[in-house]
Amino acid sequence: MNFRAPRLVLALICPLAALAQMAPEVIPLWSAGAPGFEKLRDQPEEAKDYWVRSVNNPSLTVYPAPRDKANGTAVLVVPGGGFRELVFNAEGRQAAEFLNGLGITAFALKYRLPRQEHSPYTMANVREDAVRAMRVIRSRSAAYGVDPARVGILGFSAGGVVVKMVAFDRGDGDPSAPDPVDRLNARPNFEIIVYPGKEESPAVVPADTGPAFLVAANDDEYGCDLAALDLFEKFRASKVLVEAHFIERGKHAFNMGDRSKYASVREWPHLMANWLGDNGLLKKP
């Protein structure tokens, strides 16, 4: 009997099955599309090189922690891009994969872009997406083995502005909302803010805000180091736990540090990992 043909078929099928298993799950924030813009839901995204544009159906891309490492912590990852595009590979996928290595389940957010040319969206829509994303994660916490009291947020540049949109608000849900997701709290339990933009900076950081980790380069050409310093001082003034690192050289958009020639830039994710561990966020339940 000749077994070569079936083996050949299996050899062709198995790599395709493996690729299918590797493709991350994508969860739309609203099943029918964003409120008020449902008709745009099926308009395709644009993606090229490092960026994603034309986000009309905001979503979460899920990166579950490996089962042997999973510790119950989750992070909403918010890439930057000046609200014109999303730096999704370097500030979404790569950040999520680093967090997976720490046992953290990550959800990379694709939010609407009000500064893309001809965009119909506003900054209010960005806030709406971020708030909904936090609630969707908590609504699915049991399915992903996540503790709803250990859901944080990580934002780069414009994504750091998005963090500020949700971190300093009470985040209370509407108990009478017809959608059960909208009844959940949207406030993160901790924040990681990387070279944040200046917008949305609060006058005062609420004293009940979760602990924060900040990082920026002193030579940031957009002044995001000053925005980070301003936040650091406000966290301290409110006696909220905060750790900050101001790197001597690194400029803007050093992402996860892997492309930098400076060791201090390359090491910042490990400083973040130390901070997460020191705050008990890497311990298994």
Protein backbone atom coordinates (compact mmCIF):
# COMPACT_ATOMS: atom_id res chain seq x y z
CA MET A 1 0.00 0.00 0.00
CA ASN A 2 1.27 3.46 -0.93
CA PHE A 3 1.10 5.95 2.00
CA ARG A 4 3.04 8.68 0.24
CA ALA A 5 0.04 10.54 -1.19
CA PRO A 6 -1.87 10.90 2.11
CA ARG A 7 1.33 11.99 3.83
CA LEU A 8 1.87 14.61 1.16
CA VAL A 9 -1.68 15.91 1.66
CA LEU A 10 -1.12 16.10 5.43
CA ALA A 11 2.15 17.92 4.91
CA LEU A 12 0.32 20.53 2.86
CA ILE A 13 -2.66 20.85 5.21
CA CYS A 14 -0.86 20.98 8.55
CA PRO A 15 1.07 24.23 7.91
CA LEU A 16 -2.18 25.89 6.86
CA ALA A 17 -3.89 24.67 10.02
CA ALA A 18 -1.00 25.94 12.12
CA LEU A 19 -1.24 29.35 10.48
CA ALA A 20 -4.97 29.44 11.16
CA GLN A 21 -4.32 28.66 14.82
CA MET A 22 -1.74 31.43 15.03
CA ALA A 23 -4.03 34.15 13.66
CA PRO A 24 -5.18 36.26 16.62
CA GLU A 25 -8.85 36.67 17.38
CA VAL A 26 -10.40 40.04 16.53
CA ILE A 27 -13.37 41.31 18.55
CA PRO A 28 -15.39 44.25 17.18
CA LEU A 29 -16.23 46.68 19.97
CA TRP A 30 -19.85 46.76 18.77
CA SER A 31 -21.39 43.85 16.89
CA ALA A 32 -23.40 46.17 14.62
CA GLY A 33 -20.68 48.81 14.24
CA ALA A 34 -19.88 51.99 16.15
CA PRO A 35 -22.99 53.87 17.29
CA GLY A 36 -24.04 56.44 14.72
CA PHE A 37 -21.59 55.05 12.14
CA GLU A 38 -23.00 51.56 11.61
CA LYS A 39 -23.12 52.06 7.83
CA LEU A 40 -19.31 52.43 7.74
CA ARG A 41 -18.69 49.14 9.55
CA ASP A 42 -17.82 47.15 6.43
CA GLN A 43 -15.49 49.71 4.87
CA PRO A 44 -12.07 48.02 4.79
CA GLU A 45 -9.05 49.11 6.80
CA GLU A 46 -5.83 50.10 5.07
CA ALA A 47 -2.62 48.48 6.28
CA LYS A 48 0.91 48.89 4.94
CA ASP A 49 4.37 48.52 6.44
CA TYR A 50 4.04 49.67 10.05
CA TRP A 51 0.64 51.43 9.96
CA VAL A 52 -3.09 50.85 9.90
CA ARG A 53 -5.54 53.51 8.71
CA SER A 54 -9.25 53.87 7.91
CA VAL A 55 -10.52 52.22 11.08
CA ASN A 56 -14.30 52.24 10.71
CA ASN A 57 -15.13 49.19 12.80
CA PRO A 58 -13.08 49.66 16.01
CA SER A 59 -11.87 46.39 17.47
CA LEU A 60 -9.64 44.48 19.86
CA THR A 61 -7.01 42.03 18.63
CA VAL A 62 -6.55 39.40 21.32
CA TYR A 63 -3.15 38.05 22.37
CA PRO A 64 -3.82 35.47 25.11
CA ALA A 65 -1.08 34.72 27.60
CA PRO A 66 0.44 31.23 27.31
CA ARG A 67 -1.46 28.86 29.59
CA ASP A 68 1.64 27.89 31.55
CA LYS A 69 2.44 31.55 32.28
CA ALA A 70 -0.99 33.20 32.52
CA ASN A 71 -1.36 35.16 35.76
CA GLY A 72 -4.81 36.75 35.38
CA THR A 73 -3.59 40.25 34.49
CA ALA A 74 -4.76 41.92 31.28
CA VAL A 75 -3.62 45.06 29.47
CA LEU A 76 -5.38 47.14 26.83
CA VAL A 77 -2.60 48.19 24.42
CA VAL A 78 -3.20 51.50 22.62
CA PRO A 79 -0.81 52.28 19.75
CA GLY A 80 0.04 55.83 18.74
CA GLY A 81 0.18 57.51 15.35
CA GLY A 82 -0.98 61.08 15.88
CA PHE A 83 -4.66 60.10 15.45
CA ARG A 84 -3.89 59.91 11.70
CA GLU A 85 -2.82 56.26 11.68
CA LEU A 86 -2.01 53.44 14.09
CA VAL A 87 1.56 52.21 14.55
CA PHE A 88 0.02 48.81 15.03
CA ASN A 89 2.96 46.44 14.55
CA ALA A 90 5.52 48.16 16.78
CA GLU A 91 3.15 49.65 19.37
CA GLY A 92 0.36 47.09 19.25
CA ARG A 93 1.45 43.60 18.30
CA GLN A 94 5.03 43.78 19.61
CA ALA A 95 3.93 45.29 22.91
CA ALA A 96 1.26 42.59 23.27
CA GLU A 97 3.77 39.83 22.57
CA PHE A 98 6.16 41.22 25.20
CA LEU A 99 3.34 41.26 27.74
CA ASN A 100 2.44 37.68 26.79
CA GLY A 101 5.96 36.68 27.82
CA LEU A 102 5.18 38.03 31.29
CA GLY A 103 1.99 35.99 31.54
CA ILE A 104 -0.29 38.93 30.70
CA THR A 105 -3.18 38.68 28.25
CA ALA A 106 -3.10 41.68 25.92
CA PHE A 107 -5.79 43.32 23.81
CA ALA A 108 -4.51 45.68 21.08
CA LEU A 109 -6.98 48.43 20.26
CA LYS A 110 -7.79 49.72 16.80
CA TYR A 111 -9.60 53.00 17.39
CA ARG A 112 -11.09 55.57 15.03
CA LEU A 113 -8.78 58.26 13.67
CA PRO A 114 -10.15 61.82 13.72
CA ARG A 115 -7.04 63.40 12.16
CA GLN A 116 -6.85 61.16 9.12
CA GLU A 117 -7.72 63.12 5.98
CA HIS A 118 -11.48 63.30 5.35
CA SER A 119 -12.23 61.48 8.61
CA PRO A 120 -15.82 61.80 9.90
CA TYR A 121 -14.69 61.13 13.48
CA THR A 122 -13.87 63.32 16.48
CA MET A 123 -11.80 62.91 19.63
CA ALA A 124 -15.07 62.08 21.40
CA ASN A 125 -15.25 58.96 19.24
CA VAL A 126 -11.73 57.98 20.31
CA ARG A 127 -12.78 58.26 23.95
CA GLU A 128 -15.91 56.23 23.18
CA ASP A 129 -13.77 53.46 21.65
CA ALA A 130 -11.36 53.33 24.60
CA VAL A 131 -14.13 53.27 27.20
CA ARG A 132 -15.95 50.54 25.30
CA ALA A 133 -12.71 48.53 24.94
CA MET A 134 -12.14 48.49 28.69
CA ARG A 135 -15.70 47.32 29.24
CA VAL A 136 -15.48 44.63 26.56
CA ILE A 137 -12.34 43.22 28.20
CA ARG A 138 -14.06 43.05 31.59
CA SER A 139 -17.15 41.49 30.01
CA ARG A 140 -14.99 38.68 28.64
CA SER A 141 -12.67 38.32 31.61
CA ALA A 142 -13.89 34.83 32.54
CA ALA A 143 -13.42 33.55 28.98
CA TYR A 144 -9.78 34.66 28.96
CA GLY A 145 -8.94 33.83 32.57
CA VAL A 146 -8.57 37.51 33.46
CA ASP A 147 -9.19 39.09 36.85
CA PRO A 148 -11.49 42.09 36.16
CA ALA A 149 -9.73 43.92 39.02
CA ARG A 150 -6.35 43.54 37.25
CA VAL A 151 -7.05 45.20 33.90
CA GLY A 152 -4.58 47.94 32.98
CA ILE A 153 -3.84 50.10 29.96
CA LEU A 154 -0.65 50.81 28.02
CA GLY A 155 -0.49 53.71 25.57
CA PHE A 156 2.20 55.12 23.28
CA SER A 157 2.24 58.78 22.15
CA ALA A 158 -1.33 59.46 20.94
CA GLY A 159 -2.17 56.22 22.73
CA GLY A 160 -0.88 57.88 25.89
CA VAL A 161 -3.46 60.61 25.31
CA VAL A 162 -6.09 57.87 25.07
CA VAL A 163 -4.90 56.51 28.42
CA LYS A 164 -5.50 59.93 29.94
CA MET A 165 -9.02 59.93 28.49
CA VAL A 166 -10.02 56.91 30.56
CA ALA A 167 -7.66 56.73 33.55
CA PHE A 168 -8.80 59.86 35.38
CA ASP A 169 -12.55 59.40 35.00
CA ARG A 170 -14.67 57.31 37.37
CA GLY A 171 -15.62 55.11 34.44
CA ASP A 172 -18.97 54.12 35.94
CA GLY A 173 -21.25 52.16 33.68
CA ASP A 174 -24.94 52.79 33.19
CA PRO A 175 -26.80 50.21 35.33
CA SER A 176 -29.90 50.59 33.16
CA ALA A 177 -28.08 50.26 29.80
CA PRO A 178 -29.74 47.74 27.46
CA ASP A 179 -26.31 46.38 26.52
CA PRO A 180 -24.83 44.62 29.58
CA VAL A 181 -21.31 45.61 28.48
CA ASP A 182 -22.19 49.28 29.01
CA ARG A 183 -23.08 48.57 32.63
CA LEU A 184 -19.46 47.73 33.50
CA ASN A 185 -16.79 50.06 34.84
CA ALA A 186 -14.27 51.33 32.28
CA ARG A 187 -11.55 52.67 34.56
CA PRO A 188 -8.18 50.86 34.35
CA ASN A 189 -6.60 49.44 37.50
CA PHE A 190 -3.13 50.64 36.45
CA GLU A 191 -1.57 52.73 33.69
CA ILE A 192 1.59 52.51 31.58
CA ILE A 193 2.17 55.73 29.64
CA VAL A 194 4.95 55.94 27.05
CA TYR A 195 5.98 59.36 25.59
CA PRO A 196 2.42 60.71 25.88
CA GLY A 197 1.01 63.58 23.88
CA LYS A 198 0.11 66.80 25.69
CA GLU A 199 -3.67 66.66 25.14
CA GLU A 200 -6.14 65.56 27.80
CA SER A 201 -3.77 66.24 30.71
CA PRO A 202 -5.87 66.57 33.88
CA ALA A 203 -5.70 69.57 36.17
CA VAL A 204 -5.41 67.12 39.06
CA VAL A 205 -4.89 63.36 39.12
CA PRO A 206 -7.68 61.84 41.25
CA ALA A 207 -6.31 60.34 44.47
CA ASP A 208 -7.99 56.98 43.77
CA THR A 209 -6.23 56.50 40.42
CA GLY A 210 -4.38 53.20 40.02
CA PRO A 211 -0.56 53.09 40.05
CA ALA A 212 1.29 54.39 37.00
CA PHE A 213 4.52 53.79 35.09
CA LEU A 214 5.84 56.58 32.85
CA VAL A 215 8.71 56.64 30.35
CA ALA A 216 9.96 59.21 27.84
CA ALA A 217 13.21 60.47 26.36
CA ASN A 218 14.60 63.83 27.46
CA ASP A 219 15.23 64.80 23.84
CA ASP A 220 11.70 64.02 22.59
CA GLU A 221 11.26 66.38 19.65
CA TYR A 222 7.52 66.77 20.30
CA GLY A 223 7.81 67.71 23.96
CA CYS A 224 6.28 64.46 25.17
CA ASP A 225 8.96 64.31 27.88
CA LEU A 226 7.43 67.49 29.34
CA ALA A 227 3.97 65.97 29.15
CA ALA A 228 5.26 62.91 31.02
CA LEU A 229 6.99 65.11 33.61
CA ASP A 230 3.79 67.08 34.13
CA LEU A 231 1.89 63.86 34.73
CA PHE A 232 4.58 62.58 37.09
CA GLU A 233 4.32 65.69 39.24
CA LYS A 234 0.52 65.46 39.33
CA PHE A 235 0.63 61.81 40.37
CA ARG A 236 3.03 62.72 43.17
CA ALA A 237 0.91 65.68 44.27
CA SER A 238 -2.09 63.36 44.65
CA LYS A 239 0.05 60.73 46.43
CA VAL A 240 -0.74 58.16 43.75
CA LEU A 241 1.92 55.47 43.32
CA VAL A 242 4.04 56.33 40.28
CA GLU A 243 7.37 55.35 38.76
CA ALA A 244 8.95 57.41 35.99
CA HIS A 245 12.01 57.00 33.77
CA PHE A 246 13.39 59.88 31.70
CA ILE A 247 15.93 58.48 29.27
CA GLU A 248 18.83 60.73 28.32
CA ARG A 249 18.60 60.11 24.56
CA GLY A 250 16.04 58.29 22.48
CA LYS A 251 13.81 60.96 20.89
CA HIS A 252 10.20 60.15 20.05
CA ALA A 253 8.65 56.86 18.94
CA PHE A 254 11.26 54.43 20.21
CA ASN A 255 8.41 51.90 20.48
CA MET A 256 9.50 48.79 22.41
CA GLY A 257 13.14 49.88 22.17
CA ASP A 258 14.38 47.05 19.98
CA ARG A 259 15.50 49.33 17.12
CA SER A 260 17.50 51.75 19.29
CA LYS A 261 21.29 51.86 19.52
CA TYR A 262 20.98 52.98 23.15
CA ALA A 263 20.96 50.30 25.83
CA SER A 264 18.81 52.45 28.12
CA VAL A 265 16.10 52.63 25.45
CA ARG A 266 16.29 48.92 24.72
CA GLU A 267 15.90 48.16 28.42
CA TRP A 268 12.78 50.19 29.15
CA PRO A 269 10.34 47.26 28.67
CA HIS A 270 12.26 45.31 31.32
CA LEU A 271 11.94 48.25 33.73
CA MET A 272 8.21 48.09 33.06
CA ALA A 273 8.27 44.35 33.77
CA ASN A 274 10.03 44.99 37.08
CA TRP A 275 7.40 47.58 37.98
CA LEU A 276 4.57 45.17 37.12
CA GLY A 277 6.19 42.53 39.33
CA ASP A 278 6.75 44.96 42.19
CA ASN A 279 3.04 45.80 42.10
CA GLY A 280 2.05 42.13 42.31
CA LEU A 281 0.63 42.08 38.79
CA LEU A 282 2.71 39.11 37.63
CA LYS A 283 1.70 36.79 40.47
CA LYS A 284 -0.59 33.93 39.57
CA PRO A 285 -3.88 33.88 41.46
